[in-house]
Amino acid sequence: MALEEKLRSMEISLTKVEERAKSNTKRIDEIDTILKENNNLIGAIKELAVETKYMRADLNETIQRLAKLENKEADKWDKFKWIALAGLITVFIGFIATEIGLQ
């Protein structure tokens, strides 16, 4: 009987090990699927990072171009103010000169 009990005990243990192996295989397959999905997400995130980098470079270029345009208009306005001021000073000096009697 002892031999039969040992065989029965070993059979039960082997059955448990096989069930555990099946369970572990199923879990490994699920984890493998999850890892593949994560790898796909990581790839997509990398692509987004690269696209964001290029978009940032384009945005910086656009900002620089806009700043140049804004400065160009400001420069024109500054030049106009100085020309207008010089004209007013010239008229004022001319007026004073005619009042003093210079011709």
N, C-alpha and C. Protein backbone atom coordinates (compact mmCIF):
# COMPACT_ATOMS: atom_id res chain seq x y z
N MET A 1 0.80 -1.18 0.00
CA MET A 1 0.00 0.00 0.00
C MET A 1 0.85 1.25 0.00
N ALA A 2 1.93 1.21 0.61
CA ALA A 2 2.77 2.40 0.70
C ALA A 2 3.20 2.86 -0.68
N LEU A 3 3.50 1.89 -1.55
CA LEU A 3 3.92 2.24 -2.90
C LEU A 3 2.77 2.86 -3.67
N GLU A 4 1.58 2.31 -3.51
CA GLU A 4 0.41 2.86 -4.19
C GLU A 4 0.09 4.27 -3.68
N GLU A 5 0.25 4.49 -2.40
CA GLU A 5 0.00 5.82 -1.83
C GLU A 5 1.03 6.83 -2.34
N LYS A 6 2.27 6.38 -2.43
CA LYS A 6 3.32 7.27 -2.96
C LYS A 6 3.04 7.61 -4.42
N LEU A 7 2.62 6.60 -5.20
CA LEU A 7 2.29 6.85 -6.61
C LEU A 7 1.09 7.79 -6.72
N ARG A 8 0.11 7.55 -5.90
CA ARG A 8 -1.08 8.43 -5.91
C ARG A 8 -0.68 9.84 -5.52
N SER A 9 0.15 10.00 -4.50
CA SER A 9 0.62 11.30 -4.05
C SER A 9 1.43 11.99 -5.16
N MET A 10 2.27 11.22 -5.83
CA MET A 10 3.06 11.78 -6.93
C MET A 10 2.16 12.18 -8.10
N GLU A 11 1.13 11.38 -8.36
CA GLU A 11 0.19 11.70 -9.42
C GLU A 11 -0.55 13.00 -9.13
N ILE A 12 -0.97 13.17 -7.89
CA ILE A 12 -1.65 14.40 -7.47
C ILE A 12 -0.71 15.58 -7.59
N SER A 13 0.54 15.41 -7.15
CA SER A 13 1.53 16.49 -7.24
C SER A 13 1.82 16.84 -8.69
N LEU A 14 1.95 15.82 -9.53
CA LEU A 14 2.21 16.05 -10.95
C LEU A 14 1.04 16.77 -11.61
N THR A 15 -0.17 16.39 -11.25
CA THR A 15 -1.36 17.07 -11.78
C THR A 15 -1.36 18.54 -11.38
N LYS A 16 -1.04 18.82 -10.13
CA LYS A 16 -0.98 20.20 -9.65
C LYS A 16 0.10 20.99 -10.41
N VAL A 17 1.25 20.36 -10.64
CA VAL A 17 2.33 21.02 -11.36
C VAL A 17 1.90 21.32 -12.80
N GLU A 18 1.23 20.37 -13.43
CA GLU A 18 0.75 20.57 -14.81
C GLU A 18 -0.27 21.71 -14.86
N GLU A 19 -1.19 21.73 -13.89
CA GLU A 19 -2.19 22.81 -13.84
C GLU A 19 -1.50 24.16 -13.65
N ARG A 20 -0.51 24.18 -12.75
CA ARG A 20 0.24 25.41 -12.50
C ARG A 20 0.98 25.84 -13.77
N ALA A 21 1.56 24.87 -14.49
CA ALA A 21 2.28 25.17 -15.74
C ALA A 21 1.33 25.77 -16.77
N LYS A 22 0.12 25.20 -16.89
CA LYS A 22 -0.87 25.74 -17.83
C LYS A 22 -1.25 27.16 -17.43
N SER A 23 -1.46 27.36 -16.13
CA SER A 23 -1.83 28.70 -15.63
C SER A 23 -0.70 29.69 -15.91
N ASN A 24 0.53 29.27 -15.66
CA ASN A 24 1.68 30.15 -15.90
C ASN A 24 1.84 30.46 -17.39
N THR A 25 1.61 29.46 -18.23
CA THR A 25 1.71 29.67 -19.68
C THR A 25 0.68 30.70 -20.12
N LYS A 26 -0.53 30.57 -19.59
CA LYS A 26 -1.59 31.53 -19.95
C LYS A 26 -1.19 32.93 -19.49
N ARG A 27 -0.67 33.06 -18.27
CA ARG A 27 -0.26 34.37 -17.76
C ARG A 27 0.89 34.94 -18.58
N ILE A 28 1.84 34.07 -18.97
CA ILE A 28 2.97 34.52 -19.79
C ILE A 28 2.47 35.02 -21.14
N ASP A 29 1.52 34.32 -21.73
CA ASP A 29 0.95 34.75 -23.01
C ASP A 29 0.27 36.11 -22.87
N GLU A 30 -0.48 36.30 -21.78
CA GLU A 30 -1.14 37.58 -21.54
C GLU A 30 -0.11 38.70 -21.37
N ILE A 31 0.94 38.42 -20.62
CA ILE A 31 1.99 39.43 -20.40
C ILE A 31 2.71 39.74 -21.71
N ASP A 32 2.91 38.71 -22.54
CA ASP A 32 3.55 38.92 -23.84
C ASP A 32 2.71 39.86 -24.70
N THR A 33 1.41 39.67 -24.68
CA THR A 33 0.50 40.54 -25.43
C THR A 33 0.59 41.97 -24.90
N ILE A 34 0.61 42.11 -23.60
CA ILE A 34 0.70 43.44 -22.99
C ILE A 34 2.03 44.10 -23.36
N LEU A 35 3.11 43.34 -23.34
CA LEU A 35 4.42 43.89 -23.71
C LEU A 35 4.44 44.35 -25.15
N LYS A 36 3.83 43.58 -26.05
CA LYS A 36 3.76 44.00 -27.45
C LYS A 36 2.98 45.30 -27.59
N GLU A 37 1.87 45.42 -26.87
CA GLU A 37 1.09 46.66 -26.90
C GLU A 37 1.90 47.83 -26.35
N ASN A 38 2.62 47.58 -25.26
CA ASN A 38 3.46 48.64 -24.68
C ASN A 38 4.56 49.06 -25.65
N ASN A 39 5.15 48.10 -26.35
CA ASN A 39 6.17 48.44 -27.34
C ASN A 39 5.59 49.29 -28.46
N ASN A 40 4.37 48.95 -28.88
CA ASN A 40 3.70 49.76 -29.91
C ASN A 40 3.46 51.18 -29.39
N LEU A 41 3.04 51.30 -28.13
CA LEU A 41 2.81 52.63 -27.54
C LEU A 41 4.12 53.41 -27.44
N ILE A 42 5.18 52.73 -27.06
CA ILE A 42 6.48 53.40 -26.95
C ILE A 42 6.92 53.92 -28.32
N GLY A 43 6.71 53.12 -29.35
CA GLY A 43 7.04 53.56 -30.71
C GLY A 43 6.23 54.78 -31.11
N ALA A 44 4.95 54.75 -30.79
CA ALA A 44 4.09 55.90 -31.12
C ALA A 44 4.52 57.14 -30.36
N ILE A 45 4.90 56.97 -29.10
CA ILE A 45 5.34 58.11 -28.30
C ILE A 45 6.63 58.69 -28.87
N LYS A 46 7.54 57.83 -29.31
CA LYS A 46 8.78 58.30 -29.93
C LYS A 46 8.48 59.12 -31.18
N GLU A 47 7.56 58.62 -32.00
CA GLU A 47 7.17 59.35 -33.21
C GLU A 47 6.58 60.72 -32.85
N LEU A 48 5.73 60.74 -31.83
CA LEU A 48 5.15 62.01 -31.39
C LEU A 48 6.23 62.97 -30.90
N ALA A 49 7.22 62.44 -30.19
CA ALA A 49 8.31 63.28 -29.69
C ALA A 49 9.10 63.89 -30.84
N VAL A 50 9.36 63.09 -31.86
CA VAL A 50 10.10 63.60 -33.03
C VAL A 50 9.27 64.66 -33.75
N GLU A 51 8.00 64.38 -33.95
CA GLU A 51 7.13 65.36 -34.62
C GLU A 51 7.04 66.64 -33.81
N THR A 52 6.94 66.52 -32.50
CA THR A 52 6.89 67.70 -31.63
C THR A 52 8.18 68.50 -31.74
N LYS A 53 9.29 67.81 -31.84
CA LYS A 53 10.59 68.49 -31.98
C LYS A 53 10.61 69.31 -33.27
N TYR A 54 10.18 68.70 -34.38
CA TYR A 54 10.16 69.42 -35.65
C TYR A 54 9.15 70.56 -35.63
N MET A 55 8.00 70.33 -34.99
CA MET A 55 7.01 71.40 -34.90
C MET A 55 7.55 72.57 -34.09
N ARG A 56 8.30 72.27 -33.03
CA ARG A 56 8.90 73.32 -32.20
C ARG A 56 9.91 74.12 -33.01
N ALA A 57 10.71 73.42 -33.83
CA ALA A 57 11.68 74.12 -34.68
C ALA A 57 10.94 75.03 -35.67
N ASP A 58 9.87 74.52 -36.27
CA ASP A 58 9.09 75.35 -37.19
C ASP A 58 8.48 76.54 -36.47
N LEU A 59 7.99 76.33 -35.27
CA LEU A 59 7.40 77.42 -34.50
C LEU A 59 8.44 78.47 -34.16
N ASN A 60 9.64 78.03 -33.77
CA ASN A 60 10.71 78.99 -33.47
C ASN A 60 11.05 79.83 -34.70
N GLU A 61 11.10 79.18 -35.85
CA GLU A 61 11.39 79.90 -37.09
C GLU A 61 10.28 80.92 -37.38
N THR A 62 9.05 80.51 -37.19
CA THR A 62 7.92 81.42 -37.43
C THR A 62 7.96 82.61 -36.46
N ILE A 63 8.30 82.34 -35.21
CA ILE A 63 8.40 83.41 -34.22
C ILE A 63 9.50 84.40 -34.62
N GLN A 64 10.62 83.89 -35.08
CA GLN A 64 11.72 84.77 -35.51
C GLN A 64 11.29 85.62 -36.70
N ARG A 65 10.60 85.01 -37.66
CA ARG A 65 10.15 85.77 -38.82
C ARG A 65 9.15 86.84 -38.40
N LEU A 66 8.25 86.51 -37.49
CA LEU A 66 7.26 87.47 -37.02
C LEU A 66 7.95 88.62 -36.28
N ALA A 67 8.95 88.29 -35.48
CA ALA A 67 9.68 89.33 -34.75
C ALA A 67 10.37 90.27 -35.73
N LYS A 68 10.93 89.73 -36.81
CA LYS A 68 11.58 90.58 -37.82
C LYS A 68 10.56 91.51 -38.46
N LEU A 69 9.39 90.97 -38.78
CA LEU A 69 8.35 91.81 -39.39
C LEU A 69 7.90 92.90 -38.43
N GLU A 70 7.72 92.56 -37.18
CA GLU A 70 7.30 93.56 -36.20
C GLU A 70 8.37 94.62 -36.02
N ASN A 71 9.63 94.22 -35.99
CA ASN A 71 10.72 95.18 -35.85
C ASN A 71 10.84 96.06 -37.08
N LYS A 72 10.56 95.49 -38.23
CA LYS A 72 10.63 96.27 -39.48
C LYS A 72 9.61 97.41 -39.44
N GLU A 73 8.40 97.11 -39.02
CA GLU A 73 7.37 98.15 -38.91
C GLU A 73 7.75 99.18 -37.84
N ALA A 74 8.30 98.70 -36.76
CA ALA A 74 8.71 99.62 -35.69
C ALA A 74 9.84 100.52 -36.16
N ASP A 75 10.77 99.97 -36.94
CA ASP A 75 11.87 100.78 -37.48
C ASP A 75 11.34 101.86 -38.41
N LYS A 76 10.37 101.51 -39.24
CA LYS A 76 9.77 102.51 -40.14
C LYS A 76 9.13 103.63 -39.32
N TRP A 77 8.43 103.27 -38.28
CA TRP A 77 7.76 104.27 -37.44
C TRP A 77 8.80 105.15 -36.75
N ASP A 78 9.88 104.55 -36.24
CA ASP A 78 10.94 105.33 -35.60
C ASP A 78 11.57 106.30 -36.59
N LYS A 79 11.86 105.85 -37.78
CA LYS A 79 12.44 106.73 -38.82
C LYS A 79 11.49 107.88 -39.14
N PHE A 80 10.21 107.56 -39.26
CA PHE A 80 9.23 108.60 -39.54
C PHE A 80 9.19 109.65 -38.43
N LYS A 81 9.23 109.19 -37.18
CA LYS A 81 9.21 110.14 -36.05
C LYS A 81 10.43 111.06 -36.10
N TRP A 82 11.60 110.50 -36.37
CA TRP A 82 12.82 111.32 -36.42
C TRP A 82 12.78 112.30 -37.59
N ILE A 83 12.27 111.88 -38.73
CA ILE A 83 12.16 112.78 -39.89
C ILE A 83 11.17 113.90 -39.58
N ALA A 84 10.03 113.52 -38.96
CA ALA A 84 9.04 114.54 -38.60
C ALA A 84 9.62 115.52 -37.59
N LEU A 85 10.36 115.02 -36.61
CA LEU A 85 10.97 115.89 -35.60
C LEU A 85 12.01 116.80 -36.25
N ALA A 86 12.81 116.25 -37.14
CA ALA A 86 13.82 117.08 -37.84
C ALA A 86 13.13 118.15 -38.68
N GLY A 87 12.02 117.78 -39.31
CA GLY A 87 11.28 118.77 -40.11
C GLY A 87 10.73 119.88 -39.23
N LEU A 88 10.16 119.52 -38.08
CA LEU A 88 9.63 120.54 -37.17
C LEU A 88 10.74 121.45 -36.65
N ILE A 89 11.88 120.87 -36.33
CA ILE A 89 13.01 121.69 -35.84
C ILE A 89 13.47 122.63 -36.95
N THR A 90 13.53 122.12 -38.17
CA THR A 90 13.94 122.96 -39.30
C THR A 90 12.96 124.11 -39.49
N VAL A 91 11.68 123.82 -39.43
CA VAL A 91 10.66 124.88 -39.58
C VAL A 91 10.80 125.88 -38.43
N PHE A 92 11.00 125.41 -37.22
CA PHE A 92 11.14 126.29 -36.06
C PHE A 92 12.38 127.18 -36.20
N ILE A 93 13.50 126.59 -36.59
CA ILE A 93 14.73 127.38 -36.76
C ILE A 93 14.54 128.40 -37.90
N GLY A 94 13.87 127.97 -38.96
CA GLY A 94 13.59 128.89 -40.08
C GLY A 94 12.71 130.04 -39.63
N PHE A 95 11.71 129.72 -38.79
CA PHE A 95 10.82 130.77 -38.29
C PHE A 95 11.59 131.77 -37.43
N ILE A 96 12.44 131.25 -36.55
CA ILE A 96 13.25 132.13 -35.69
C ILE A 96 14.18 132.97 -36.53
N ALA A 97 14.78 132.36 -37.55
CA ALA A 97 15.72 133.09 -38.41
C ALA A 97 15.02 134.21 -39.13
N THR A 98 13.79 134.01 -39.60
CA THR A 98 13.06 135.07 -40.30
C THR A 98 12.62 136.15 -39.33
N GLU A 99 12.33 135.75 -38.09
CA GLU A 99 11.95 136.74 -37.08
C GLU A 99 13.12 137.63 -36.71
N ILE A 100 14.30 137.04 -36.67
CA ILE A 100 15.49 137.83 -36.34
C ILE A 100 15.87 138.71 -37.51
N GLY A 101 15.50 138.32 -38.66
CA GLY A 101 15.81 139.14 -39.81
C GLY A 101 16.76 138.48 -40.77
N LEU A 102 17.09 137.25 -40.57
CA LEU A 102 17.96 136.53 -41.51
C LEU A 102 17.13 136.08 -42.68
N GLN A 103 17.70 136.22 -43.84
CA GLN A 103 16.97 135.80 -45.03
C GLN A 103 17.80 134.97 -45.93
